[in-house]
Amino acid sequence: MATTSLAILWPRDWDVTANPREVLEALIGAGGPASVAELHRDLSLYMHASYLENRQGLEQLALLFELAGASMAVEVVLWIAAIASGS
């Protein structure tokens, strides 16, 4: 249980913004000035990629949380059994 708890609490790098350098490089590399619509499209694509990456991390955290909860439930049942048997 301690291992899963530490895995849940361990710091992570969440991607919550679009990197302006990457967006500008993509727009400048396209040749010529980019329109506002192209900028919105690129930002939407970067935000969606960040969302997918963060979602994968959140799904892993949810699984670890479920494992920690199940481990705690088993531990509590074993404690109750040990107390009831007088060990």
PDB file of N, CA and C in Angstrom:
ATOM      1  N   MET A   1       0.826  -1.186   0.000  1.00  0.00           N
ATOM      2  CA  MET A   1       0.000   0.000   0.000  1.00  0.00           C
ATOM      3  C   MET A   1       0.874   1.255   0.000  1.00  0.00           C
ATOM      4  N   ALA A   2       1.980   1.223   0.706  1.00  0.00           N
ATOM      5  CA  ALA A   2       2.857   2.387   0.762  1.00  0.00           C
ATOM      6  C   ALA A   2       3.420   2.710  -0.618  1.00  0.00           C
ATOM      7  N   THR A   3       3.732   1.689  -1.397  1.00  0.00           N
ATOM      8  CA  THR A   3       4.293   1.903  -2.729  1.00  0.00           C
ATOM      9  C   THR A   3       3.287   2.604  -3.634  1.00  0.00           C
ATOM     10  N   THR A   4       2.043   2.145  -3.631  1.00  0.00           N
ATOM     11  CA  THR A   4       1.037   2.781  -4.479  1.00  0.00           C
ATOM     12  C   THR A   4       0.728   4.200  -4.003  1.00  0.00           C
ATOM     13  N   SER A   5       0.744   4.405  -2.688  1.00  0.00           N
ATOM     14  CA  SER A   5       0.514   5.754  -2.159  1.00  0.00           C
ATOM     15  C   SER A   5       1.622   6.702  -2.592  1.00  0.00           C
ATOM     16  N   LEU A   6       2.864   6.234  -2.538  1.00  0.00           N
ATOM     17  CA  LEU A   6       3.979   7.063  -2.995  1.00  0.00           C
ATOM     18  C   LEU A   6       3.895   7.327  -4.492  1.00  0.00           C
ATOM     19  N   ALA A   7       3.476   6.340  -5.253  1.00  0.00           N
ATOM     20  CA  ALA A   7       3.339   6.527  -6.703  1.00  0.00           C
ATOM     21  C   ALA A   7       2.277   7.573  -7.019  1.00  0.00           C
ATOM     22  N   ILE A   8       1.219   7.614  -6.228  1.00  0.00           N
ATOM     23  CA  ILE A   8       0.158   8.617  -6.430  1.00  0.00           C
ATOM     24  C   ILE A   8       0.672  10.007  -6.075  1.00  0.00           C
ATOM     25  N   LEU A   9       1.414  10.112  -4.985  1.00  0.00           N
ATOM     26  CA  LEU A   9       1.850  11.410  -4.494  1.00  0.00           C
ATOM     27  C   LEU A   9       3.112  11.934  -5.168  1.00  0.00           C
ATOM     28  N   TRP A  10       3.806  11.096  -5.942  1.00  0.00           N
ATOM     29  CA  TRP A  10       5.055  11.521  -6.571  1.00  0.00           C
ATOM     30  C   TRP A  10       4.781  12.656  -7.557  1.00  0.00           C
ATOM     31  N   PRO A  11       5.601  13.703  -7.540  1.00  0.00           N
ATOM     32  CA  PRO A  11       5.367  14.839  -8.454  1.00  0.00           C
ATOM     33  C   PRO A  11       5.434  14.426  -9.924  1.00  0.00           C
ATOM     34  N   ARG A  12       4.615  15.075 -10.727  1.00  0.00           N
ATOM     35  CA  ARG A  12       4.571  14.813 -12.163  1.00  0.00           C
ATOM     36  C   ARG A  12       4.675  16.126 -12.923  1.00  0.00           C
ATOM     37  N   ASP A  13       5.107  16.020 -14.163  1.00  0.00           N
ATOM     38  CA  ASP A  13       5.137  17.185 -15.048  1.00  0.00           C
ATOM     39  C   ASP A  13       3.861  17.180 -15.882  1.00  0.00           C
ATOM     40  N   TRP A  14       2.920  18.057 -15.526  1.00  0.00           N
ATOM     41  CA  TRP A  14       1.681  18.169 -16.278  1.00  0.00           C
ATOM     42  C   TRP A  14       1.863  19.225 -17.358  1.00  0.00           C
ATOM     43  N   ASP A  15       1.360  18.954 -18.511  1.00  0.00           N
ATOM     44  CA  ASP A  15       1.439  19.893 -19.630  1.00  0.00           C
ATOM     45  C   ASP A  15       0.125  20.651 -19.686  1.00  0.00           C
ATOM     46  N   VAL A  16       0.148  21.901 -19.245  1.00  0.00           N
ATOM     47  CA  VAL A  16      -1.095  22.664 -19.158  1.00  0.00           C
ATOM     48  C   VAL A  16      -1.147  23.859 -20.109  1.00  0.00           C
ATOM     49  N   THR A  17      -0.080  24.099 -20.843  1.00  0.00           N
ATOM     50  CA  THR A  17      -0.068  25.221 -21.772  1.00  0.00           C
ATOM     51  C   THR A  17       0.585  24.800 -23.079  1.00  0.00           C
ATOM     52  N   ALA A  18       0.330  25.588 -24.097  1.00  0.00           N
ATOM     53  CA  ALA A  18       1.029  25.395 -25.364  1.00  0.00           C
ATOM     54  C   ALA A  18       2.341  26.158 -25.295  1.00  0.00           C
ATOM     55  N   ASN A  19       3.398  25.550 -25.741  1.00  0.00           N
ATOM     56  CA  ASN A  19       4.699  26.200 -25.747  1.00  0.00           C
ATOM     57  C   ASN A  19       4.713  27.244 -26.864  1.00  0.00           C
ATOM     58  N   PRO A  20       4.833  28.535 -26.526  1.00  0.00           N
ATOM     59  CA  PRO A  20       4.789  29.572 -27.561  1.00  0.00           C
ATOM     60  C   PRO A  20       5.869  29.391 -28.626  1.00  0.00           C
ATOM     61  N   ARG A  21       7.029  28.915 -28.229  1.00  0.00           N
ATOM     62  CA  ARG A  21       8.112  28.714 -29.195  1.00  0.00           C
ATOM     63  C   ARG A  21       7.712  27.688 -30.256  1.00  0.00           C
ATOM     64  N   GLU A  22       7.099  26.592 -29.836  1.00  0.00           N
ATOM     65  CA  GLU A  22       6.677  25.566 -30.795  1.00  0.00           C
ATOM     66  C   GLU A  22       5.596  26.099 -31.737  1.00  0.00           C
ATOM     67  N   VAL A  23       4.659  26.851 -31.178  1.00  0.00           N
ATOM     68  CA  VAL A  23       3.576  27.405 -32.009  1.00  0.00           C
ATOM     69  C   VAL A  23       4.149  28.380 -33.032  1.00  0.00           C
ATOM     70  N   LEU A  24       5.023  29.269 -32.572  1.00  0.00           N
ATOM     71  CA  LEU A  24       5.603  30.255 -33.486  1.00  0.00           C
ATOM     72  C   LEU A  24       6.481  29.594 -34.551  1.00  0.00           C
ATOM     73  N   GLU A  25       7.252  28.571 -34.151  1.00  0.00           N
ATOM     74  CA  GLU A  25       8.079  27.872 -35.137  1.00  0.00           C
ATOM     75  C   GLU A  25       7.209  27.210 -36.202  1.00  0.00           C
ATOM     76  N   ALA A  26       6.092  26.659 -35.782  1.00  0.00           N
ATOM     77  CA  ALA A  26       5.190  26.020 -36.742  1.00  0.00           C
ATOM     78  C   ALA A  26       4.584  27.055 -37.684  1.00  0.00           C
ATOM     79  N   LEU A  27       4.237  28.212 -37.149  1.00  0.00           N
ATOM     80  CA  LEU A  27       3.622  29.251 -37.982  1.00  0.00           C
ATOM     81  C   LEU A  27       4.639  29.932 -38.893  1.00  0.00           C
ATOM     82  N   ILE A  28       5.840  30.189 -38.382  1.00  0.00           N
ATOM     83  CA  ILE A  28       6.873  30.824 -39.193  1.00  0.00           C
ATOM     84  C   ILE A  28       7.391  29.853 -40.242  1.00  0.00           C
ATOM     85  N   GLY A  29       7.517  28.584 -39.858  1.00  0.00           N
ATOM     86  CA  GLY A  29       8.000  27.569 -40.785  1.00  0.00           C
ATOM     87  C   GLY A  29       7.043  27.322 -41.935  1.00  0.00           C
ATOM     88  N   ALA A  30       5.792  27.742 -41.798  1.00  0.00           N
ATOM     89  CA  ALA A  30       4.802  27.518 -42.849  1.00  0.00           C
ATOM     90  C   ALA A  30       5.066  28.416 -44.052  1.00  0.00           C
ATOM     91  N   GLY A  31       5.877  29.446 -43.890  1.00  0.00           N
ATOM     92  CA  GLY A  31       6.205  30.354 -44.985  1.00  0.00           C
ATOM     93  C   GLY A  31       5.160  31.436 -45.114  1.00  0.00           C
ATOM     94  N   GLY A  32       5.536  32.628 -44.806  1.00  0.00           N
ATOM     95  CA  GLY A  32       4.588  33.733 -44.900  1.00  0.00           C
ATOM     96  C   GLY A  32       3.837  33.927 -43.604  1.00  0.00           C
ATOM     97  N   PRO A  33       3.157  35.064 -43.471  1.00  0.00           N
ATOM     98  CA  PRO A  33       2.416  35.337 -42.238  1.00  0.00           C
ATOM     99  C   PRO A  33       1.213  34.399 -42.097  1.00  0.00           C
ATOM    100  N   ALA A  34       0.976  34.003 -40.887  1.00  0.00           N
ATOM    101  CA  ALA A  34      -0.141  33.103 -40.612  1.00  0.00           C
ATOM    102  C   ALA A  34      -1.376  33.921 -40.259  1.00  0.00           C
ATOM    103  N   SER A  35      -2.512  33.391 -40.598  1.00  0.00           N
ATOM    104  CA  SER A  35      -3.765  34.078 -40.271  1.00  0.00           C
ATOM    105  C   SER A  35      -4.182  33.739 -38.842  1.00  0.00           C
ATOM    106  N   VAL A  36      -5.133  34.496 -38.346  1.00  0.00           N
ATOM    107  CA  VAL A  36      -5.659  34.244 -37.003  1.00  0.00           C
ATOM    108  C   VAL A  36      -6.304  32.855 -36.951  1.00  0.00           C
ATOM    109  N   ALA A  37      -6.961  32.463 -38.013  1.00  0.00           N
ATOM    110  CA  ALA A  37      -7.599  31.142 -38.056  1.00  0.00           C
ATOM    111  C   ALA A  37      -6.548  30.032 -37.947  1.00  0.00           C
ATOM    112  N   GLU A  38      -5.414  30.210 -38.628  1.00  0.00           N
ATOM    113  CA  GLU A  38      -4.340  29.211 -38.536  1.00  0.00           C
ATOM    114  C   GLU A  38      -3.765  29.161 -37.128  1.00  0.00           C
ATOM    115  N   LEU A  39      -3.627  30.324 -36.503  1.00  0.00           N
ATOM    116  CA  LEU A  39      -3.140  30.377 -35.127  1.00  0.00           C
ATOM    117  C   LEU A  39      -4.101  29.647 -34.193  1.00  0.00           C
ATOM    118  N   HIS A  40      -5.396  29.893 -34.347  1.00  0.00           N
ATOM    119  CA  HIS A  40      -6.400  29.208 -33.520  1.00  0.00           C
ATOM    120  C   HIS A  40      -6.362  27.704 -33.745  1.00  0.00           C
ATOM    121  N   ARG A  41      -6.224  27.298 -34.999  1.00  0.00           N
ATOM    122  CA  ARG A  41      -6.162  25.869 -35.311  1.00  0.00           C
ATOM    123  C   ARG A  41      -4.950  25.229 -34.647  1.00  0.00           C
ATOM    124  N   ASP A  42      -3.776  25.851 -34.778  1.00  0.00           N
ATOM    125  CA  ASP A  42      -2.566  25.288 -34.185  1.00  0.00           C
ATOM    126  C   ASP A  42      -2.662  25.239 -32.663  1.00  0.00           C
ATOM    127  N   LEU A  43      -3.174  26.303 -32.064  1.00  0.00           N
ATOM    128  CA  LEU A  43      -3.332  26.293 -30.607  1.00  0.00           C
ATOM    129  C   LEU A  43      -4.300  25.202 -30.166  1.00  0.00           C
ATOM    130  N   SER A  44      -5.364  25.008 -30.920  1.00  0.00           N
ATOM    131  CA  SER A  44      -6.316  23.938 -30.598  1.00  0.00           C
ATOM    132  C   SER A  44      -5.652  22.576 -30.679  1.00  0.00           C
ATOM    133  N   LEU A  45      -4.821  22.384 -31.694  1.00  0.00           N
ATOM    134  CA  LEU A  45      -4.125  21.101 -31.834  1.00  0.00           C
ATOM    135  C   LEU A  45      -3.145  20.874 -30.687  1.00  0.00           C
ATOM    136  N   TYR A  46      -2.405  21.906 -30.285  1.00  0.00           N
ATOM    137  CA  TYR A  46      -1.479  21.783 -29.156  1.00  0.00           C
ATOM    138  C   TYR A  46      -2.239  21.501 -27.860  1.00  0.00           C
ATOM    139  N   MET A  47      -3.352  22.192 -27.669  1.00  0.00           N
ATOM    140  CA  MET A  47      -4.138  21.975 -26.450  1.00  0.00           C
ATOM    141  C   MET A  47      -4.710  20.557 -26.413  1.00  0.00           C
ATOM    142  N   HIS A  48      -5.137  20.053 -27.563  1.00  0.00           N
ATOM    143  CA  HIS A  48      -5.675  18.698 -27.609  1.00  0.00           C
ATOM    144  C   HIS A  48      -4.579  17.674 -27.312  1.00  0.00           C
ATOM    145  N   ALA A  49      -3.381  17.891 -27.841  1.00  0.00           N
ATOM    146  CA  ALA A  49      -2.260  16.982 -27.554  1.00  0.00           C
ATOM    147  C   ALA A  49      -1.938  17.001 -26.059  1.00  0.00           C
ATOM    148  N   SER A  50      -1.972  18.170 -25.434  1.00  0.00           N
ATOM    149  CA  SER A  50      -1.736  18.272 -23.989  1.00  0.00           C
ATOM    150  C   SER A  50      -2.823  17.533 -23.216  1.00  0.00           C
ATOM    151  N   TYR A  51      -4.056  17.697 -23.659  1.00  0.00           N
ATOM    152  CA  TYR A  51      -5.178  17.019 -23.018  1.00  0.00           C
ATOM    153  C   TYR A  51      -4.991  15.504 -23.056  1.00  0.00           C
ATOM    154  N   LEU A  52      -4.608  14.976 -24.211  1.00  0.00           N
ATOM    155  CA  LEU A  52      -4.427  13.529 -24.334  1.00  0.00           C
ATOM    156  C   LEU A  52      -3.292  13.031 -23.454  1.00  0.00           C
ATOM    157  N   GLU A  53      -2.202  13.786 -23.407  1.00  0.00           N
ATOM    158  CA  GLU A  53      -1.073  13.393 -22.563  1.00  0.00           C
ATOM    159  C   GLU A  53      -1.455  13.425 -21.087  1.00  0.00           C
ATOM    160  N   ASN A  54      -2.147  14.475 -20.662  1.00  0.00           N
ATOM    161  CA  ASN A  54      -2.569  14.580 -19.266  1.00  0.00           C
ATOM    162  C   ASN A  54      -3.616  13.521 -18.917  1.00  0.00           C
ATOM    163  N   ARG A  55      -4.478  13.212 -19.862  1.00  0.00           N
ATOM    164  CA  ARG A  55      -5.508  12.197 -19.605  1.00  0.00           C
ATOM    165  C   ARG A  55      -4.867  10.845 -19.323  1.00  0.00           C
ATOM    166  N   GLN A  56      -3.838  10.500 -20.071  1.00  0.00           N
ATOM    167  CA  GLN A  56      -3.134   9.235 -19.845  1.00  0.00           C
ATOM    168  C   GLN A  56      -2.547   9.208 -18.430  1.00  0.00           C
ATOM    169  N   GLY A  57      -1.950  10.315 -18.006  1.00  0.00           N
ATOM    170  CA  GLY A  57      -1.401  10.384 -16.653  1.00  0.00           C
ATOM    171  C   GLY A  57      -2.483  10.281 -15.588  1.00  0.00           C
ATOM    172  N   LEU A  58      -3.621  10.918 -15.824  1.00  0.00           N
ATOM    173  CA  LEU A  58      -4.721  10.838 -14.858  1.00  0.00           C
ATOM    174  C   LEU A  58      -5.313   9.434 -14.782  1.00  0.00           C
ATOM    175  N   GLU A  59      -5.364   8.745 -15.905  1.00  0.00           N
ATOM    176  CA  GLU A  59      -5.851   7.362 -15.895  1.00  0.00           C
ATOM    177  C   GLU A  59      -4.911   6.468 -15.095  1.00  0.00           C
ATOM    178  N   GLN A  60      -3.609   6.692 -15.212  1.00  0.00           N
ATOM    179  CA  GLN A  60      -2.648   5.926 -14.425  1.00  0.00           C
ATOM    180  C   GLN A  60      -2.815   6.231 -12.937  1.00  0.00           C
ATOM    181  N   LEU A  61      -3.017   7.508 -12.610  1.00  0.00           N
ATOM    182  CA  LEU A  61      -3.236   7.865 -11.206  1.00  0.00           C
ATOM    183  C   LEU A  61      -4.515   7.236 -10.657  1.00  0.00           C
ATOM    184  N   ALA A  62      -5.556   7.207 -11.458  1.00  0.00           N
ATOM    185  CA  ALA A  62      -6.812   6.597 -11.015  1.00  0.00           C
ATOM    186  C   ALA A  62      -6.616   5.110 -10.734  1.00  0.00           C
ATOM    187  N   LEU A  63      -5.876   4.421 -11.589  1.00  0.00           N
ATOM    188  CA  LEU A  63      -5.604   2.997 -11.372  1.00  0.00           C
ATOM    189  C   LEU A  63      -4.810   2.791 -10.087  1.00  0.00           C
ATOM    190  N   LEU A  64      -3.782   3.618  -9.874  1.00  0.00           N
ATOM    191  CA  LEU A  64      -2.989   3.507  -8.642  1.00  0.00           C
ATOM    192  C   LEU A  64      -3.850   3.794  -7.418  1.00  0.00           C
ATOM    193  N   PHE A  65      -4.747   4.760  -7.530  1.00  0.00           N
ATOM    194  CA  PHE A  65      -5.634   5.084  -6.415  1.00  0.00           C
ATOM    195  C   PHE A  65      -6.553   3.904  -6.094  1.00  0.00           C
ATOM    196  N   GLU A  66      -7.064   3.238  -7.128  1.00  0.00           N
ATOM    197  CA  GLU A  66      -7.902   2.059  -6.916  1.00  0.00           C
ATOM    198  C   GLU A  66      -7.109   0.937  -6.249  1.00  0.00           C
ATOM    199  N   LEU A  67      -5.874   0.735  -6.689  1.00  0.00           N
ATOM    200  CA  LEU A  67      -5.034  -0.294  -6.073  1.00  0.00           C
ATOM    201  C   LEU A  67      -4.735   0.025  -4.608  1.00  0.00           C
ATOM    202  N   ALA A  68      -4.458   1.291  -4.309  1.00  0.00           N
ATOM    203  CA  ALA A  68      -4.189   1.693  -2.930  1.00  0.00           C
ATOM    204  C   ALA A  68      -5.432   1.501  -2.066  1.00  0.00           C
ATOM    205  N   GLY A  69      -6.594   1.850  -2.602  1.00  0.00           N
ATOM    206  CA  GLY A  69      -7.838   1.661  -1.856  1.00  0.00           C
ATOM    207  C   GLY A  69      -8.134   0.199  -1.586  1.00  0.00           C
ATOM    208  N   ALA A  70      -7.925  -0.646  -2.587  1.00  0.00           N
ATOM    209  CA  ALA A  70      -8.140  -2.084  -2.399  1.00  0.00           C
ATOM    210  C   ALA A  70      -7.158  -2.654  -1.392  1.00  0.00           C
ATOM    211  N   SER A  71      -5.906  -2.216  -1.457  1.00  0.00           N
ATOM    212  CA  SER A  71      -4.895  -2.680  -0.494  1.00  0.00           C
ATOM    213  C   SER A  71      -5.267  -2.265   0.921  1.00  0.00           C
ATOM    214  N   MET A  72      -5.767  -1.051   1.073  1.00  0.00           N
ATOM    215  CA  MET A  72      -6.170  -0.583   2.395  1.00  0.00           C
ATOM    216  C   MET A  72      -7.356  -1.390   2.916  1.00  0.00           C
ATOM    217  N   ALA A  73      -8.300  -1.712   2.033  1.00  0.00           N
ATOM    218  CA  ALA A  73      -9.454  -2.508   2.454  1.00  0.00           C
ATOM    219  C   ALA A  73      -9.003  -3.890   2.929  1.00  0.00           C
ATOM    220  N   VAL A  74      -8.096  -4.518   2.202  1.00  0.00           N
ATOM    221  CA  VAL A  74      -7.576  -5.829   2.608  1.00  0.00           C
ATOM    222  C   VAL A  74      -6.845  -5.723   3.940  1.00  0.00           C
ATOM    223  N   GLU A  75      -6.062  -4.659   4.104  1.00  0.00           N
ATOM    224  CA  GLU A  75      -5.319  -4.460   5.347  1.00  0.00           C
ATOM    225  C   GLU A  75      -6.267  -4.282   6.532  1.00  0.00           C
ATOM    226  N   VAL A  76      -7.344  -3.519   6.352  1.00  0.00           N
ATOM    227  CA  VAL A  76      -8.307  -3.313   7.435  1.00  0.00           C
ATOM    228  C   VAL A  76      -8.991  -4.629   7.793  1.00  0.00           C
ATOM    229  N   VAL A  77      -9.358  -5.427   6.802  1.00  0.00           N
ATOM    230  CA  VAL A  77      -9.983  -6.728   7.068  1.00  0.00           C
ATOM    231  C   VAL A  77      -9.021  -7.628   7.839  1.00  0.00           C
ATOM    232  N   LEU A  78      -7.756  -7.618   7.446  1.00  0.00           N
ATOM    233  CA  LEU A  78      -6.761  -8.440   8.166  1.00  0.00           C
ATOM    234  C   LEU A  78      -6.552  -7.938   9.591  1.00  0.00           C
ATOM    235  N   TRP A  79      -6.575  -6.626   9.816  1.00  0.00           N
ATOM    236  CA  TRP A  79      -6.471  -6.102  11.170  1.00  0.00           C
ATOM    237  C   TRP A  79      -7.664  -6.536  12.013  1.00  0.00           C
ATOM    238  N   ILE A  80      -8.851  -6.443  11.439  1.00  0.00           N
ATOM    239  CA  ILE A  80     -10.047  -6.866  12.185  1.00  0.00           C
ATOM    240  C   ILE A  80      -9.973  -8.348  12.532  1.00  0.00           C
ATOM    241  N   ALA A  81      -9.534  -9.166  11.581  1.00  0.00           N
ATOM    242  CA  ALA A  81      -9.401 -10.603  11.838  1.00  0.00           C
ATOM    243  C   ALA A  81      -8.359 -10.851  12.918  1.00  0.00           C
ATOM    244  N   ALA A  82      -7.253 -10.119  12.889  1.00  0.00           N
ATOM    245  CA  ALA A  82      -6.209 -10.307  13.901  1.00  0.00           C
ATOM    246  C   ALA A  82      -6.701  -9.891  15.275  1.00  0.00           C
ATOM    247  N   ILE A  83      -7.446  -8.779  15.351  1.00  0.00           N
ATOM    248  CA  ILE A  83      -7.979  -8.317  16.628  1.00  0.00           C
ATOM    249  C   ILE A  83      -9.028  -9.294  17.151  1.00  0.00           C
ATOM    250  N   ALA A  84      -9.894  -9.792  16.246  1.00  0.00           N
ATOM    251  CA  ALA A  84     -10.956 -10.703  16.661  1.00  0.00           C
ATOM    252  C   ALA A  84     -10.376 -12.034  17.144  1.00  0.00           C
ATOM    253  N   SER A  85      -9.267 -12.471  16.585  1.00  0.00           N
ATOM    254  CA  SER A  85      -8.694 -13.759  16.989  1.00  0.00           C
ATOM    255  C   SER A  85      -7.804 -13.601  18.218  1.00  0.00           C
ATOM    256  N   GLY A  86      -7.547 -12.356  18.631  1.00  0.00           N
ATOM    257  CA  GLY A  86      -6.755 -12.118  19.828  1.00  0.00           C
ATOM    258  C   GLY A  86      -5.267 -12.213  19.593  1.00  0.00           C
ATOM    259  N   SER A  87      -4.830 -12.107  18.359  1.00  0.00           N
ATOM    260  CA  SER A  87      -3.393 -12.183  18.063  1.00  0.00           C
ATOM    261  C   SER A  87      -2.678 -10.927  18.403  1.00  0.00           C
TER     262      SER A  87
END
